[in-house]
Amino acid sequence: MTNSIQNNDFRRRTIRIHKTLDKKIDEYKKEELLSNWTQATIDLIKKGFEKVKEEQKKW
């Protein structure tokens, strides 16, 4: 049961990451600042680290 819950949670987070990346890419394309995934990925990773730090504080 726990494995199933963890897998569903992982799946949801993965989908959320892809949607966020797609949104970032669209923003950069509109601004004509970037035509690839590099900066969008870097921004997402930074946000991810910030969220991890926040979660660690809760523990």
Protein backbone atom coordinates (compact mmCIF):
# COMPACT_ATOMS: atom_id res chain seq x y z
CA MET A 1 0.00 0.00 0.00
CA THR A 2 2.75 2.47 0.90
CA ASN A 3 4.62 1.69 -2.31
CA SER A 4 1.52 2.50 -4.32
CA ILE A 5 1.08 5.80 -2.50
CA GLN A 6 4.75 6.69 -3.00
CA ASN A 7 4.55 5.80 -6.70
CA ASN A 8 1.45 7.96 -7.16
CA ASP A 9 3.13 10.83 -5.32
CA PHE A 10 6.25 10.47 -7.48
CA ARG A 11 4.12 10.37 -10.63
CA ARG A 12 2.26 13.55 -9.61
CA ARG A 13 5.51 15.37 -8.83
CA THR A 14 7.03 14.28 -12.15
CA ILE A 15 4.01 15.53 -14.08
CA ARG A 16 4.13 18.81 -12.13
CA ILE A 17 7.84 19.23 -12.96
CA HIS A 18 7.20 18.69 -16.67
CA LYS A 19 4.32 21.17 -16.67
CA THR A 20 6.45 23.73 -14.85
CA LEU A 21 9.31 23.26 -17.32
CA ASP A 22 6.95 23.65 -20.26
CA LYS A 23 5.52 26.84 -18.73
CA LYS A 24 9.02 28.25 -18.12
CA ILE A 25 10.07 27.43 -21.68
CA ASP A 26 7.01 29.23 -23.04
CA GLU A 27 7.84 32.29 -20.90
CA TYR A 28 11.41 32.38 -22.16
CA LYS A 29 10.35 31.90 -25.76
CA LYS A 30 7.93 34.81 -25.45
CA GLU A 31 10.71 36.96 -24.09
CA GLU A 32 13.07 35.55 -26.73
CA LEU A 33 15.69 35.02 -24.04
CA LEU A 34 16.09 31.31 -24.47
CA SER A 35 15.38 28.71 -27.10
CA ASN A 36 16.28 25.62 -25.09
CA TRP A 37 15.65 23.99 -21.72
CA THR A 38 18.84 25.09 -19.96
CA GLN A 39 17.73 28.19 -18.07
CA ALA A 40 14.27 26.79 -17.35
CA THR A 41 15.86 23.69 -15.84
CA ILE A 42 18.28 25.73 -13.74
CA ASP A 43 15.42 27.87 -12.38
CA LEU A 44 13.34 24.80 -11.57
CA ILE A 45 16.25 23.12 -9.77
CA LYS A 46 16.82 26.26 -7.67
CA LYS A 47 13.14 26.32 -6.70
CA GLY A 48 13.33 22.62 -5.90
CA PHE A 49 16.25 23.16 -3.53
CA GLU A 50 14.37 25.98 -1.83
CA LYS A 51 11.35 23.72 -1.31
CA VAL A 52 13.56 20.93 0.05
CA LYS A 53 15.09 23.34 2.57
CA GLU A 54 11.60 24.41 3.65
CA GLU A 55 10.53 20.78 4.06
CA GLN A 56 13.66 20.00 6.10
CA LYS A 57 12.83 22.84 8.49
CA LYS A 58 9.45 21.20 9.16
CA TRP A 59 11.16 17.96 10.18
